[in-house]
């Protein structure tokens, strides 16, 4: 069982940048009104990261693509049944379960960041697109925003638990793999993953520009004081 370059730099950068963005969003949400604007910036960042990952999941390196790691739900369920086993998975890229977990995480964060564009605290701040929706719809979106964040917190806690379980029970250091890009694989990998730097720069620039324009052309934010 040898280690191979599996995770390209853009995928790893996305992973850790998203961790920082989610942590920052959580901290600033709990810190009070003085940190609301920073919380909004973390939301923009998360939205840009999700857009980048979706595009990279289509045109990125092999193990970053959705077509590679989204496998049959039956295979994912079968893999879940083997979770208690000490036998490591050692699959190149995401396992079947990990692939679906990635999709769920992207969906939850997309919902969180998107609903945040429309909500208002009815006191000081409102999202940039709050003026284009009714107060009733804004209230429903705010409810989804807060409920979804609780779901997201639970999902992240489960994610951390699974990573620890794989380390302690199966001997797979998934954290190190996402730091270095190298992953143990049971069997040879046909071709080592090499980062296409120009493609990465173009996709990152497109995602950043898209979110910038989304905010730039929004109605003026409503400051309720």
Protein backbone atom coordinates (compact mmCIF):
# COMPACT_ATOMS: atom_id res chain seq x y z
CA UNK A 1 0.00 0.00 0.00
CA UNK A 2 1.80 3.07 -1.29
CA UNK A 3 1.05 6.77 -1.11
CA UNK A 4 0.15 8.59 -4.31
CA UNK A 5 -0.54 12.25 -5.17
CA UNK A 6 -4.34 12.21 -5.12
CA UNK A 7 -5.60 15.59 -3.90
CA UNK A 8 -4.56 18.52 -6.06
CA UNK A 9 -3.63 21.88 -4.53
CA UNK A 10 -6.92 23.64 -5.48
CA UNK A 11 -8.99 20.94 -3.76
CA UNK A 12 -6.87 21.14 -0.62
CA UNK A 13 -6.91 24.94 -0.63
CA UNK A 14 -10.70 24.89 -0.97
CA UNK A 15 -11.03 22.49 1.94
CA UNK A 16 -9.02 24.57 4.40
CA UNK A 17 -10.36 27.92 3.15
CA UNK A 18 -13.88 26.60 3.67
CA UNK A 19 -12.97 25.52 7.20
CA UNK A 20 -11.73 29.05 7.95
CA UNK A 21 -14.84 30.58 6.38
CA UNK A 22 -17.23 28.38 8.37
CA UNK A 23 -15.34 28.95 11.60
CA UNK A 24 -15.31 32.69 10.99
CA UNK A 25 -19.03 32.71 10.21
CA UNK A 26 -19.78 30.84 13.42
CA UNK A 27 -17.59 33.05 15.60
CA UNK A 28 -18.89 36.31 14.14
CA UNK A 29 -22.50 35.12 14.37
CA UNK A 30 -22.02 34.58 18.10
CA UNK A 31 -19.96 37.76 18.65
CA UNK A 32 -22.82 40.24 18.30
CA UNK A 33 -23.83 43.16 16.08
CA UNK A 34 -20.35 44.67 15.91
CA UNK A 35 -19.21 41.70 13.86
CA UNK A 36 -22.18 41.48 11.50
CA UNK A 37 -20.38 43.02 8.53
CA UNK A 38 -17.47 40.61 8.95
CA UNK A 39 -20.01 37.77 9.16
CA UNK A 40 -21.43 38.92 5.83
CA UNK A 41 -17.96 38.89 4.25
CA UNK A 42 -17.42 35.34 5.45
CA UNK A 43 -20.74 34.46 3.79
CA UNK A 44 -19.58 35.94 0.48
CA UNK A 45 -16.36 33.97 0.78
CA UNK A 46 -18.23 30.72 1.41
CA UNK A 47 -20.46 31.35 -1.59
CA UNK A 48 -17.43 31.96 -3.81
CA UNK A 49 -15.75 28.82 -2.53
CA UNK A 50 -18.84 26.73 -3.26
CA UNK A 51 -19.05 28.13 -6.79
CA UNK A 52 -15.37 27.34 -7.30
CA UNK A 53 -15.80 23.77 -6.03
CA UNK A 54 -18.79 23.12 -8.27
CA UNK A 55 -16.85 24.23 -11.34
CA UNK A 56 -13.73 22.37 -10.21
CA UNK A 57 -15.88 19.31 -9.70
CA UNK A 58 -16.63 19.44 -13.41
CA UNK A 59 -13.30 20.42 -14.95
CA UNK A 60 -10.74 19.73 -12.20
CA UNK A 61 -8.32 16.85 -11.79
CA UNK A 62 -9.74 13.31 -11.87
CA UNK A 63 -10.29 12.71 -8.13
CA UNK A 64 -11.80 16.17 -7.65
CA UNK A 65 -14.54 15.53 -10.21
CA UNK A 66 -18.08 14.62 -9.22
CA UNK A 67 -18.15 11.87 -11.84
CA UNK A 68 -15.30 10.15 -10.00
CA UNK A 69 -16.55 10.24 -6.41
CA UNK A 70 -20.35 10.22 -6.67
CA UNK A 71 -21.04 6.51 -6.64
CA UNK A 72 -24.13 4.37 -6.23
CA UNK A 73 -26.12 5.05 -3.05
CA UNK A 74 -26.22 1.28 -2.50
CA UNK A 75 -22.43 1.20 -2.53
CA UNK A 76 -22.36 4.03 0.00
CA UNK A 77 -24.79 2.17 2.27
CA UNK A 78 -22.73 -1.01 1.99
CA UNK A 79 -19.64 0.97 2.93
CA UNK A 80 -21.44 2.41 5.96
CA UNK A 81 -22.09 -1.15 7.09
CA UNK A 82 -18.33 -1.73 7.13
CA UNK A 83 -17.59 1.40 9.14
CA UNK A 84 -17.06 -0.54 12.37
CA UNK A 85 -14.46 -2.77 10.73
CA UNK A 86 -10.79 -2.05 11.38
CA UNK A 87 -10.03 -2.71 7.72
CA UNK A 88 -9.02 0.54 6.00
CA UNK A 89 -10.84 1.65 2.86
CA UNK A 90 -7.75 2.96 1.04
CA UNK A 91 -9.67 3.96 -2.06
CA UNK A 92 -8.19 6.62 -4.34
CA UNK A 93 -10.08 9.86 -3.85
CA UNK A 94 -13.27 9.93 -1.82
CA UNK A 95 -14.90 6.72 -0.72
CA UNK A 96 -18.52 6.19 -1.75
CA UNK A 97 -19.73 7.51 1.61
CA UNK A 98 -17.25 10.39 1.56
CA UNK A 99 -18.40 11.38 -1.91
CA UNK A 100 -22.03 11.73 -0.85
CA UNK A 101 -20.95 13.50 2.35
CA UNK A 102 -19.11 16.05 0.19
CA UNK A 103 -22.25 16.68 -1.85
CA UNK A 104 -24.37 17.15 1.28
CA UNK A 105 -21.81 19.54 2.78
CA UNK A 106 -21.69 21.63 -0.40
CA UNK A 107 -25.49 21.76 -0.48
CA UNK A 108 -25.81 22.82 3.17
CA UNK A 109 -23.23 25.58 2.81
CA UNK A 110 -24.82 26.78 -0.45
CA UNK A 111 -28.19 27.04 1.32
CA UNK A 112 -26.58 28.86 4.24
CA UNK A 113 -24.73 31.41 2.14
CA UNK A 114 -27.59 31.98 -0.32
CA UNK A 115 -30.30 32.53 2.29
CA UNK A 116 -27.98 34.96 4.06
CA UNK A 117 -28.20 37.27 1.06
CA UNK A 118 -31.89 37.91 1.79
CA UNK A 119 -32.25 37.99 5.57
CA UNK A 120 -32.50 40.93 7.94
CA UNK A 121 -32.19 41.24 11.69
CA UNK A 122 -34.89 43.97 11.61
CA UNK A 123 -32.64 46.18 13.74
CA UNK A 124 -29.29 47.04 12.19
CA UNK A 125 -28.38 45.03 9.10
CA UNK A 126 -29.95 43.36 6.08
CA UNK A 127 -28.47 41.19 3.38
CA UNK A 128 -27.79 42.83 0.01
CA UNK A 129 -30.80 41.22 -1.65
CA UNK A 130 -33.22 41.73 1.22
CA UNK A 131 -34.96 44.65 -0.59
CA UNK A 132 -36.08 42.40 -3.46
CA UNK A 133 -38.14 40.03 -1.29
CA UNK A 134 -41.17 40.59 0.90
CA UNK A 135 -40.82 40.74 4.65
CA UNK A 136 -42.70 37.43 4.95
CA UNK A 137 -40.35 35.68 2.54
CA UNK A 138 -37.34 37.27 4.25
CA UNK A 139 -38.62 35.89 7.55
CA UNK A 140 -38.97 32.38 6.13
CA UNK A 141 -35.49 32.56 4.62
CA UNK A 142 -34.11 33.77 7.97
CA UNK A 143 -35.73 30.76 9.64
CA UNK A 144 -34.10 28.44 7.08
CA UNK A 145 -30.79 30.28 7.57
CA UNK A 146 -30.77 29.66 11.33
CA UNK A 147 -32.17 26.12 11.16
CA UNK A 148 -29.77 25.11 8.41
CA UNK A 149 -26.83 26.40 10.43
CA UNK A 150 -27.76 24.05 13.27
CA UNK A 151 -27.93 21.17 10.79
CA UNK A 152 -24.59 22.26 9.34
CA UNK A 153 -23.00 22.32 12.79
CA UNK A 154 -24.20 18.77 13.43
CA UNK A 155 -22.92 17.61 10.05
CA UNK A 156 -19.49 19.17 10.64
CA UNK A 157 -19.33 17.51 14.08
CA UNK A 158 -20.15 14.15 12.44
CA UNK A 159 -17.50 14.83 9.80
CA UNK A 160 -14.85 15.43 12.48
CA UNK A 161 -15.93 12.29 14.33
CA UNK A 162 -15.62 10.16 11.18
CA UNK A 163 -12.15 11.55 10.48
CA UNK A 164 -11.08 10.68 14.03
CA UNK A 165 -12.66 7.22 13.71
CA UNK A 166 -10.78 6.51 10.49
CA UNK A 167 -7.55 7.57 12.18
CA UNK A 168 -8.00 5.60 15.40
CA UNK A 169 -9.88 2.55 14.14
CA UNK A 170 -8.78 2.12 10.54
CA UNK A 171 -5.35 3.75 10.61
CA UNK A 172 -6.19 6.16 7.79
CA UNK A 173 -4.92 9.71 8.33
CA UNK A 174 -7.38 11.64 6.18
CA UNK A 175 -6.25 14.98 7.62
CA UNK A 176 -2.66 14.44 6.55
CA UNK A 177 -3.86 13.40 3.08
CA UNK A 178 -5.76 16.67 2.73
CA UNK A 179 -2.68 18.60 3.87
CA UNK A 180 -0.07 16.93 1.68
CA UNK A 181 -2.22 15.62 -1.15
CA UNK A 182 -0.73 12.14 -0.76
CA UNK A 183 -3.02 9.26 0.14
CA UNK A 184 -2.45 5.58 0.82
CA UNK A 185 -4.04 3.44 -1.85
CA UNK A 186 -4.47 -0.32 -2.00
CA UNK A 187 -3.15 -0.85 -5.50
CA UNK A 188 -1.44 1.31 -8.12
CA UNK A 189 -2.88 4.57 -9.36
CA UNK A 190 -2.67 4.83 -13.16
CA UNK A 191 -1.35 8.38 -13.19
CA UNK A 192 -0.31 10.78 -10.42
CA UNK A 193 -2.44 13.88 -10.12
CA UNK A 194 -0.77 17.05 -11.41
CA UNK A 195 -2.36 20.43 -10.76
CA UNK A 196 -3.33 22.32 -13.94
CA UNK A 197 -2.33 25.75 -12.66
CA UNK A 198 -3.75 27.86 -15.50
CA UNK A 199 -7.13 26.14 -15.21
CA UNK A 200 -7.07 26.68 -11.45
CA UNK A 201 -6.34 30.41 -11.81
CA UNK A 202 -9.08 30.85 -14.41
CA UNK A 203 -11.71 29.01 -12.34
CA UNK A 204 -10.73 30.85 -9.15
CA UNK A 205 -10.82 34.20 -10.94
CA UNK A 206 -14.24 33.41 -12.43
CA UNK A 207 -15.67 32.44 -9.04
CA UNK A 208 -14.26 35.54 -7.34
CA UNK A 209 -15.48 37.84 -10.11
CA UNK A 210 -18.94 36.26 -10.08
CA UNK A 211 -19.44 36.85 -6.36
CA UNK A 212 -18.01 40.36 -6.63
CA UNK A 213 -20.49 41.22 -9.40
CA UNK A 214 -23.32 39.56 -7.47
CA UNK A 215 -22.68 41.89 -4.55
CA UNK A 216 -21.77 44.92 -6.67
CA UNK A 217 -25.02 44.91 -8.66
CA UNK A 218 -27.24 44.14 -5.68
CA UNK A 219 -29.55 46.83 -4.31
CA UNK A 220 -27.88 49.00 -1.73
CA UNK A 221 -27.71 47.17 1.63
CA UNK A 222 -30.31 48.38 4.07
CA UNK A 223 -28.88 49.61 7.37
CA UNK A 224 -31.77 49.81 9.81
CA UNK A 225 -30.50 52.44 12.18
